[in-house]
PDB file of N, CA and C in Angstrom:
ATOM      1  N   UNK A   1     -17.795  16.119  -4.197  1.00  0.00           N
ATOM      2  CA  UNK A   1     -17.220  14.907  -4.750  1.00  0.00           C
ATOM      3  C   UNK A   1     -18.285  13.821  -4.737  1.00  0.00           C
ATOM      4  N   UNK A   2     -18.288  13.014  -5.717  1.00  0.00           N
ATOM      5  CA  UNK A   2     -19.229  11.905  -5.786  1.00  0.00           C
ATOM      6  C   UNK A   2     -18.496  10.605  -5.493  1.00  0.00           C
ATOM      7  N   UNK A   3     -19.246   9.544  -5.322  1.00  0.00           N
ATOM      8  CA  UNK A   3     -18.642   8.236  -5.096  1.00  0.00           C
ATOM      9  C   UNK A   3     -17.888   7.802  -6.340  1.00  0.00           C
ATOM     10  N   UNK A   4     -16.667   7.330  -6.142  1.00  0.00           N
ATOM     11  CA  UNK A   4     -15.836   6.857  -7.236  1.00  0.00           C
ATOM     12  C   UNK A   4     -15.561   5.382  -7.015  1.00  0.00           C
ATOM     13  N   UNK A   5     -15.821   4.587  -8.038  1.00  0.00           N
ATOM     14  CA  UNK A   5     -15.542   3.165  -7.947  1.00  0.00           C
ATOM     15  C   UNK A   5     -14.146   2.914  -8.512  1.00  0.00           C
ATOM     16  N   UNK A   6     -13.251   2.395  -7.671  1.00  0.00           N
ATOM     17  CA  UNK A   6     -11.875   2.114  -8.078  1.00  0.00           C
ATOM     18  C   UNK A   6     -11.809   0.794  -8.825  1.00  0.00           C
ATOM     19  N   UNK A   7     -12.446  -0.221  -8.270  1.00  0.00           N
ATOM     20  CA  UNK A   7     -12.611  -1.502  -8.943  1.00  0.00           C
ATOM     21  C   UNK A   7     -13.912  -2.102  -8.429  1.00  0.00           C
ATOM     22  N   UNK A   8     -14.148  -3.342  -8.714  1.00  0.00           N
ATOM     23  CA  UNK A   8     -15.430  -3.961  -8.346  1.00  0.00           C
ATOM     24  C   UNK A   8     -15.701  -3.906  -6.838  1.00  0.00           C
ATOM     25  N   UNK A   9     -14.659  -3.881  -6.028  1.00  0.00           N
ATOM     26  CA  UNK A   9     -14.807  -3.983  -4.584  1.00  0.00           C
ATOM     27  C   UNK A   9     -14.418  -2.724  -3.804  1.00  0.00           C
ATOM     28  N   UNK A  10     -13.720  -1.811  -4.413  1.00  0.00           N
ATOM     29  CA  UNK A  10     -13.188  -0.642  -3.697  1.00  0.00           C
ATOM     30  C   UNK A  10     -13.820   0.637  -4.218  1.00  0.00           C
ATOM     31  N   UNK A  11     -14.253   1.487  -3.271  1.00  0.00           N
ATOM     32  CA  UNK A  11     -14.852   2.768  -3.633  1.00  0.00           C
ATOM     33  C   UNK A  11     -14.304   3.875  -2.739  1.00  0.00           C
ATOM     34  N   UNK A  12     -14.449   5.090  -3.210  1.00  0.00           N
ATOM     35  CA  UNK A  12     -14.187   6.290  -2.411  1.00  0.00           C
ATOM     36  C   UNK A  12     -15.501   7.053  -2.375  1.00  0.00           C
ATOM     37  N   UNK A  13     -16.096   7.125  -1.200  1.00  0.00           N
ATOM     38  CA  UNK A  13     -17.389   7.795  -1.032  1.00  0.00           C
ATOM     39  C   UNK A  13     -17.210   8.889   0.008  1.00  0.00           C
ATOM     40  N   UNK A  14     -17.469  10.140  -0.357  1.00  0.00           N
ATOM     41  CA  UNK A  14     -17.255  11.233   0.584  1.00  0.00           C
ATOM     42  C   UNK A  14     -18.095  11.132   1.855  1.00  0.00           C
ATOM     43  N   UNK A  15     -19.167  10.357   1.810  1.00  0.00           N
ATOM     44  CA  UNK A  15     -20.037  10.205   2.970  1.00  0.00           C
ATOM     45  C   UNK A  15     -19.644   9.037   3.872  1.00  0.00           C
ATOM     46  N   UNK A  16     -18.642   8.285   3.482  1.00  0.00           N
ATOM     47  CA  UNK A  16     -18.196   7.129   4.273  1.00  0.00           C
ATOM     48  C   UNK A  16     -16.710   7.282   4.575  1.00  0.00           C
ATOM     49  N   UNK A  17     -16.376   7.278   5.853  1.00  0.00           N
ATOM     50  CA  UNK A  17     -14.977   7.352   6.311  1.00  0.00           C
ATOM     51  C   UNK A  17     -14.221   8.522   5.678  1.00  0.00           C
ATOM     52  N   UNK A  18     -14.890   9.664   5.560  1.00  0.00           N
ATOM     53  CA  UNK A  18     -14.277  10.897   5.047  1.00  0.00           C
ATOM     54  C   UNK A  18     -13.690  10.727   3.646  1.00  0.00           C
ATOM     55  N   UNK A  19     -14.271   9.829   2.853  1.00  0.00           N
ATOM     56  CA  UNK A  19     -13.822   9.647   1.476  1.00  0.00           C
ATOM     57  C   UNK A  19     -12.622   8.743   1.310  1.00  0.00           C
ATOM     58  N   UNK A  20     -12.143   8.158   2.399  1.00  0.00           N
ATOM     59  CA  UNK A  20     -11.029   7.218   2.283  1.00  0.00           C
ATOM     60  C   UNK A  20     -11.501   5.980   1.527  1.00  0.00           C
ATOM     61  N   UNK A  21     -10.583   5.262   0.917  1.00  0.00           N
ATOM     62  CA  UNK A  21     -10.954   4.064   0.175  1.00  0.00           C
ATOM     63  C   UNK A  21     -11.493   3.005   1.121  1.00  0.00           C
ATOM     64  N   UNK A  22     -12.690   2.516   0.805  1.00  0.00           N
ATOM     65  CA  UNK A  22     -13.320   1.459   1.587  1.00  0.00           C
ATOM     66  C   UNK A  22     -13.769   0.355   0.634  1.00  0.00           C
ATOM     67  N   UNK A  23     -14.136  -0.757   1.227  1.00  0.00           N
ATOM     68  CA  UNK A  23     -14.708  -1.832   0.436  1.00  0.00           C
ATOM     69  C   UNK A  23     -16.197  -1.554   0.300  1.00  0.00           C
ATOM     70  N   UNK A  24     -16.671  -1.632  -0.920  1.00  0.00           N
ATOM     71  CA  UNK A  24     -18.046  -1.285  -1.262  1.00  0.00           C
ATOM     72  C   UNK A  24     -19.027  -1.955  -0.304  1.00  0.00           C
ATOM     73  N   UNK A  25     -19.937  -1.158   0.244  1.00  0.00           N
ATOM     74  CA  UNK A  25     -20.964  -1.662   1.140  1.00  0.00           C
ATOM     75  C   UNK A  25     -20.507  -1.868   2.575  1.00  0.00           C
ATOM     76  N   UNK A  26     -19.263  -1.446   2.882  1.00  0.00           N
ATOM     77  CA  UNK A  26     -18.736  -1.592   4.243  1.00  0.00           C
ATOM     78  C   UNK A  26     -18.110  -0.277   4.684  1.00  0.00           C
ATOM     79  N   UNK A  27     -17.675  -0.251   5.921  1.00  0.00           N
ATOM     80  CA  UNK A  27     -16.892   0.870   6.439  1.00  0.00           C
ATOM     81  C   UNK A  27     -15.452   0.418   6.690  1.00  0.00           C
ATOM     82  N   UNK A  28     -15.080  -0.707   6.129  1.00  0.00           N
ATOM     83  CA  UNK A  28     -13.716  -1.234   6.275  1.00  0.00           C
ATOM     84  C   UNK A  28     -12.839  -0.524   5.259  1.00  0.00           C
ATOM     85  N   UNK A  29     -11.775   0.108   5.754  1.00  0.00           N
ATOM     86  CA  UNK A  29     -10.886   0.850   4.870  1.00  0.00           C
ATOM     87  C   UNK A  29      -9.804  -0.066   4.296  1.00  0.00           C
ATOM     88  N   UNK A  30      -9.459   0.199   3.056  1.00  0.00           N
ATOM     89  CA  UNK A  30      -8.476  -0.621   2.337  1.00  0.00           C
ATOM     90  C   UNK A  30      -7.144  -0.637   3.086  1.00  0.00           C
ATOM     91  N   UNK A  31      -6.739   0.485   3.645  1.00  0.00           N
ATOM     92  CA  UNK A  31      -5.450   0.531   4.334  1.00  0.00           C
ATOM     93  C   UNK A  31      -5.430  -0.427   5.523  1.00  0.00           C
ATOM     94  N   UNK A  32      -6.584  -0.657   6.147  1.00  0.00           N
ATOM     95  CA  UNK A  32      -6.632  -1.568   7.291  1.00  0.00           C
ATOM     96  C   UNK A  32      -6.247  -2.984   6.871  1.00  0.00           C
ATOM     97  N   UNK A  33      -6.779  -3.426   5.749  1.00  0.00           N
ATOM     98  CA  UNK A  33      -6.471  -4.765   5.248  1.00  0.00           C
ATOM     99  C   UNK A  33      -5.009  -4.847   4.817  1.00  0.00           C
ATOM    100  N   UNK A  34      -4.533  -3.820   4.127  1.00  0.00           N
ATOM    101  CA  UNK A  34      -3.133  -3.832   3.692  1.00  0.00           C
ATOM    102  C   UNK A  34      -2.183  -3.851   4.888  1.00  0.00           C
ATOM    103  N   UNK A  35      -2.502  -3.112   5.935  1.00  0.00           N
ATOM    104  CA  UNK A  35      -1.660  -3.129   7.137  1.00  0.00           C
ATOM    105  C   UNK A  35      -1.681  -4.490   7.817  1.00  0.00           C
ATOM    106  N   UNK A  36      -2.838  -5.124   7.840  1.00  0.00           N
ATOM    107  CA  UNK A  36      -2.919  -6.456   8.434  1.00  0.00           C
ATOM    108  C   UNK A  36      -2.067  -7.448   7.655  1.00  0.00           C
ATOM    109  N   UNK A  37      -2.087  -7.340   6.338  1.00  0.00           N
ATOM    110  CA  UNK A  37      -1.232  -8.203   5.518  1.00  0.00           C
ATOM    111  C   UNK A  37       0.235  -7.922   5.800  1.00  0.00           C
ATOM    112  N   UNK A  38       0.579  -6.644   5.913  1.00  0.00           N
ATOM    113  CA  UNK A  38       1.952  -6.247   6.238  1.00  0.00           C
ATOM    114  C   UNK A  38       2.387  -6.845   7.578  1.00  0.00           C
ATOM    115  N   UNK A  39       1.464  -6.909   8.519  1.00  0.00           N
ATOM    116  CA  UNK A  39       1.758  -7.451   9.849  1.00  0.00           C
ATOM    117  C   UNK A  39       1.800  -8.974   9.874  1.00  0.00           C
ATOM    118  N   UNK A  40       1.581  -9.593   8.719  1.00  0.00           N
ATOM    119  CA  UNK A  40       1.678 -11.050   8.640  1.00  0.00           C
ATOM    120  C   UNK A  40       0.383 -11.795   8.883  1.00  0.00           C
ATOM    121  N   UNK A  41      -0.725 -11.068   8.956  1.00  0.00           N
ATOM    122  CA  UNK A  41      -2.009 -11.724   9.149  1.00  0.00           C
ATOM    123  C   UNK A  41      -2.385 -12.508   7.891  1.00  0.00           C
ATOM    124  N   UNK A  42      -3.022 -13.641   8.097  1.00  0.00           N
ATOM    125  CA  UNK A  42      -3.481 -14.440   6.965  1.00  0.00           C
ATOM    126  C   UNK A  42      -4.807 -13.888   6.456  1.00  0.00           C
ATOM    127  N   UNK A  43      -5.161 -14.303   5.258  1.00  0.00           N
ATOM    128  CA  UNK A  43      -6.455 -13.895   4.700  1.00  0.00           C
ATOM    129  C   UNK A  43      -7.588 -14.352   5.606  1.00  0.00           C
ATOM    130  N   UNK A  44      -7.464 -15.556   6.149  1.00  0.00           N
ATOM    131  CA  UNK A  44      -8.478 -16.077   7.060  1.00  0.00           C
ATOM    132  C   UNK A  44      -8.631 -15.215   8.303  1.00  0.00           C
ATOM    133  N   UNK A  45      -7.512 -14.734   8.852  1.00  0.00           N
ATOM    134  CA  UNK A  45      -7.566 -13.867  10.026  1.00  0.00           C
ATOM    135  C   UNK A  45      -8.248 -12.539   9.693  1.00  0.00           C
ATOM    136  N   UNK A  46      -7.997 -12.044   8.496  1.00  0.00           N
ATOM    137  CA  UNK A  46      -8.602 -10.770   8.082  1.00  0.00           C
ATOM    138  C   UNK A  46     -10.110 -10.932   7.922  1.00  0.00           C
ATOM    139  N   UNK A  47     -10.519 -12.012   7.284  1.00  0.00           N
ATOM    140  CA  UNK A  47     -11.949 -12.257   7.099  1.00  0.00           C
ATOM    141  C   UNK A  47     -12.633 -12.480   8.453  1.00  0.00           C
ATOM    142  N   UNK A  48     -11.933 -13.106   9.372  1.00  0.00           N
ATOM    143  CA  UNK A  48     -12.494 -13.305  10.713  1.00  0.00           C
ATOM    144  C   UNK A  48     -12.655 -11.960  11.427  1.00  0.00           C
ATOM    145  N   UNK A  49     -11.682 -11.065  11.255  1.00  0.00           N
ATOM    146  CA  UNK A  49     -11.740  -9.744  11.878  1.00  0.00           C
ATOM    147  C   UNK A  49     -12.814  -8.862  11.237  1.00  0.00           C
ATOM    148  N   UNK A  50     -13.032  -9.037   9.949  1.00  0.00           N
ATOM    149  CA  UNK A  50     -14.013  -8.249   9.198  1.00  0.00           C
ATOM    150  C   UNK A  50     -14.940  -9.211   8.450  1.00  0.00           C
ATOM    151  N   UNK A  51     -15.960  -9.748   9.112  1.00  0.00           N
ATOM    152  CA  UNK A  51     -16.830 -10.760   8.500  1.00  0.00           C
ATOM    153  C   UNK A  51     -17.552 -10.314   7.225  1.00  0.00           C
ATOM    154  N   UNK A  52     -17.615  -9.019   6.975  1.00  0.00           N
ATOM    155  CA  UNK A  52     -18.274  -8.548   5.758  1.00  0.00           C
ATOM    156  C   UNK A  52     -17.377  -8.697   4.526  1.00  0.00           C
ATOM    157  N   UNK A  53     -16.113  -9.044   4.739  1.00  0.00           N
ATOM    158  CA  UNK A  53     -15.173  -9.201   3.627  1.00  0.00           C
ATOM    159  C   UNK A  53     -15.045 -10.663   3.222  1.00  0.00           C
ATOM    160  N   UNK A  54     -14.624 -10.840   1.957  1.00  0.00           N
ATOM    161  CA  UNK A  54     -14.314 -12.167   1.412  1.00  0.00           C
ATOM    162  C   UNK A  54     -12.926 -12.097   0.782  1.00  0.00           C
ATOM    163  N   UNK A  55     -12.443 -13.212   0.348  1.00  0.00           N
ATOM    164  CA  UNK A  55     -11.122 -13.256  -0.290  1.00  0.00           C
ATOM    165  C   UNK A  55     -11.036 -12.277  -1.462  1.00  0.00           C
ATOM    166  N   UNK A  56     -12.118 -12.104  -2.176  1.00  0.00           N
ATOM    167  CA  UNK A  56     -12.120 -11.195  -3.329  1.00  0.00           C
ATOM    168  C   UNK A  56     -11.779  -9.765  -2.920  1.00  0.00           C
ATOM    169  N   UNK A  57     -12.211  -9.366  -1.732  1.00  0.00           N
ATOM    170  CA  UNK A  57     -11.906  -8.024  -1.241  1.00  0.00           C
ATOM    171  C   UNK A  57     -10.398  -7.886  -0.986  1.00  0.00           C
ATOM    172  N   UNK A  58      -9.814  -8.897  -0.392  1.00  0.00           N
ATOM    173  CA  UNK A  58      -8.379  -8.862  -0.096  1.00  0.00           C
ATOM    174  C   UNK A  58      -7.577  -8.826  -1.391  1.00  0.00           C
ATOM    175  N   UNK A  59      -7.979  -9.628  -2.363  1.00  0.00           N
ATOM    176  CA  UNK A  59      -7.305  -9.622  -3.663  1.00  0.00           C
ATOM    177  C   UNK A  59      -7.445  -8.264  -4.344  1.00  0.00           C
ATOM    178  N   UNK A  60      -8.607  -7.637  -4.196  1.00  0.00           N
ATOM    179  CA  UNK A  60      -8.819  -6.312  -4.795  1.00  0.00           C
ATOM    180  C   UNK A  60      -7.896  -5.276  -4.161  1.00  0.00           C
ATOM    181  N   UNK A  61      -7.688  -5.379  -2.848  1.00  0.00           N
ATOM    182  CA  UNK A  61      -6.779  -4.452  -2.167  1.00  0.00           C
ATOM    183  C   UNK A  61      -5.351  -4.648  -2.659  1.00  0.00           C
ATOM    184  N   UNK A  62      -4.936  -5.884  -2.805  1.00  0.00           N
ATOM    185  CA  UNK A  62      -3.589  -6.163  -3.303  1.00  0.00           C
ATOM    186  C   UNK A  62      -3.421  -5.706  -4.753  1.00  0.00           C
ATOM    187  N   UNK A  63      -4.445  -5.907  -5.552  1.00  0.00           N
ATOM    188  CA  UNK A  63      -4.403  -5.462  -6.945  1.00  0.00           C
ATOM    189  C   UNK A  63      -4.286  -3.948  -7.023  1.00  0.00           C
ATOM    190  N   UNK A  64      -5.040  -3.248  -6.193  1.00  0.00           N
ATOM    191  CA  UNK A  64      -4.969  -1.793  -6.154  1.00  0.00           C
ATOM    192  C   UNK A  64      -3.568  -1.338  -5.745  1.00  0.00           C
ATOM    193  N   UNK A  65      -3.007  -1.956  -4.715  1.00  0.00           N
ATOM    194  CA  UNK A  65      -1.657  -1.603  -4.263  1.00  0.00           C
ATOM    195  C   UNK A  65      -0.638  -1.861  -5.368  1.00  0.00           C
ATOM    196  N   UNK A  66      -0.781  -2.972  -6.075  1.00  0.00           N
ATOM    197  CA  UNK A  66       0.134  -3.282  -7.176  1.00  0.00           C
ATOM    198  C   UNK A  66       0.023  -2.239  -8.283  1.00  0.00           C
ATOM    199  N   UNK A  67      -1.206  -1.857  -8.613  1.00  0.00           N
ATOM    200  CA  UNK A  67      -1.410  -0.833  -9.644  1.00  0.00           C
ATOM    201  C   UNK A  67      -0.742   0.475  -9.265  1.00  0.00           C
ATOM    202  N   UNK A  68      -0.889   0.877  -8.010  1.00  0.00           N
ATOM    203  CA  UNK A  68      -0.282   2.135  -7.556  1.00  0.00           C
ATOM    204  C   UNK A  68       1.233   2.077  -7.667  1.00  0.00           C
ATOM    205  N   UNK A  69       1.839   0.966  -7.258  1.00  0.00           N
ATOM    206  CA  UNK A  69       3.303   0.878  -7.313  1.00  0.00           C
ATOM    207  C   UNK A  69       3.809   0.761  -8.744  1.00  0.00           C
ATOM    208  N   UNK A  70       2.944   0.326  -9.662  1.00  0.00           N
ATOM    209  CA  UNK A  70       3.330   0.279 -11.085  1.00  0.00           C
ATOM    210  C   UNK A  70       3.155   1.637 -11.748  1.00  0.00           C
ATOM    211  N   UNK A  71       2.579   2.581 -11.024  1.00  0.00           N
ATOM    212  CA  UNK A  71       2.418   3.922 -11.562  1.00  0.00           C
ATOM    213  C   UNK A  71       1.058   4.180 -12.177  1.00  0.00           C
ATOM    214  N   UNK A  72       0.129   3.257 -12.005  1.00  0.00           N
ATOM    215  CA  UNK A  72      -1.219   3.499 -12.518  1.00  0.00           C
ATOM    216  C   UNK A  72      -1.859   4.586 -11.665  1.00  0.00           C
ATOM    217  N   UNK A  73      -2.399   5.576 -12.314  1.00  0.00           N
ATOM    218  CA  UNK A  73      -3.014   6.697 -11.606  1.00  0.00           C
ATOM    219  C   UNK A  73      -4.518   6.527 -11.565  1.00  0.00           C
ATOM    220  N   UNK A  74      -5.077   6.803 -10.411  1.00  0.00           N
ATOM    221  CA  UNK A  74      -6.520   6.857 -10.229  1.00  0.00           C
ATOM    222  C   UNK A  74      -6.864   8.306  -9.983  1.00  0.00           C
ATOM    223  N   UNK A  75      -7.723   8.862 -10.782  1.00  0.00           N
ATOM    224  CA  UNK A  75      -8.097  10.257 -10.649  1.00  0.00           C
ATOM    225  C   UNK A  75      -9.487  10.336 -10.050  1.00  0.00           C
ATOM    226  N   UNK A  76      -9.597  11.032  -8.917  1.00  0.00           N
ATOM    227  CA  UNK A  76     -10.894  11.248  -8.296  1.00  0.00           C
ATOM    228  C   UNK A  76     -11.406  12.592  -8.778  1.00  0.00           C
ATOM    229  N   UNK A  77     -12.567  12.592  -9.410  1.00  0.00           N
ATOM    230  CA  UNK A  77     -13.123  13.799  -9.989  1.00  0.00           C
ATOM    231  C   UNK A  77     -14.169  14.373  -9.058  1.00  0.00           C
ATOM    232  N   UNK A  78     -14.039  15.654  -8.749  1.00  0.00           N
ATOM    233  CA  UNK A  78     -15.009  16.337  -7.894  1.00  0.00           C
ATOM    234  C   UNK A  78     -16.145  16.873  -8.745  1.00  0.00           C
ATOM    235  N   UNK A  79     -17.338  16.826  -8.192  1.00  0.00           N
ATOM    236  CA  UNK A  79     -18.512  17.413  -8.876  1.00  0.00           C
ATOM    237  C   UNK A  79     -18.614  18.876  -8.563  1.00  0.00           C
TER     238      UNK A  79
END
């Protein structure tokens, strides 16, 4: 499998975190940010916990989650 770019900020790279969705250039997984939001954490708290992230990363995670719930499919192609 090769690295797949989901959007400008989110990638799936088989060499990073076992291919789980992460924010490009980090080892922070998208599910971690989504869970923090679910737990009521503010964007500021998330950025403080993960200094490599910015508001754009959080918005990208929410956009991805919205796309999935709307039925948008992301296909990961193996090499």
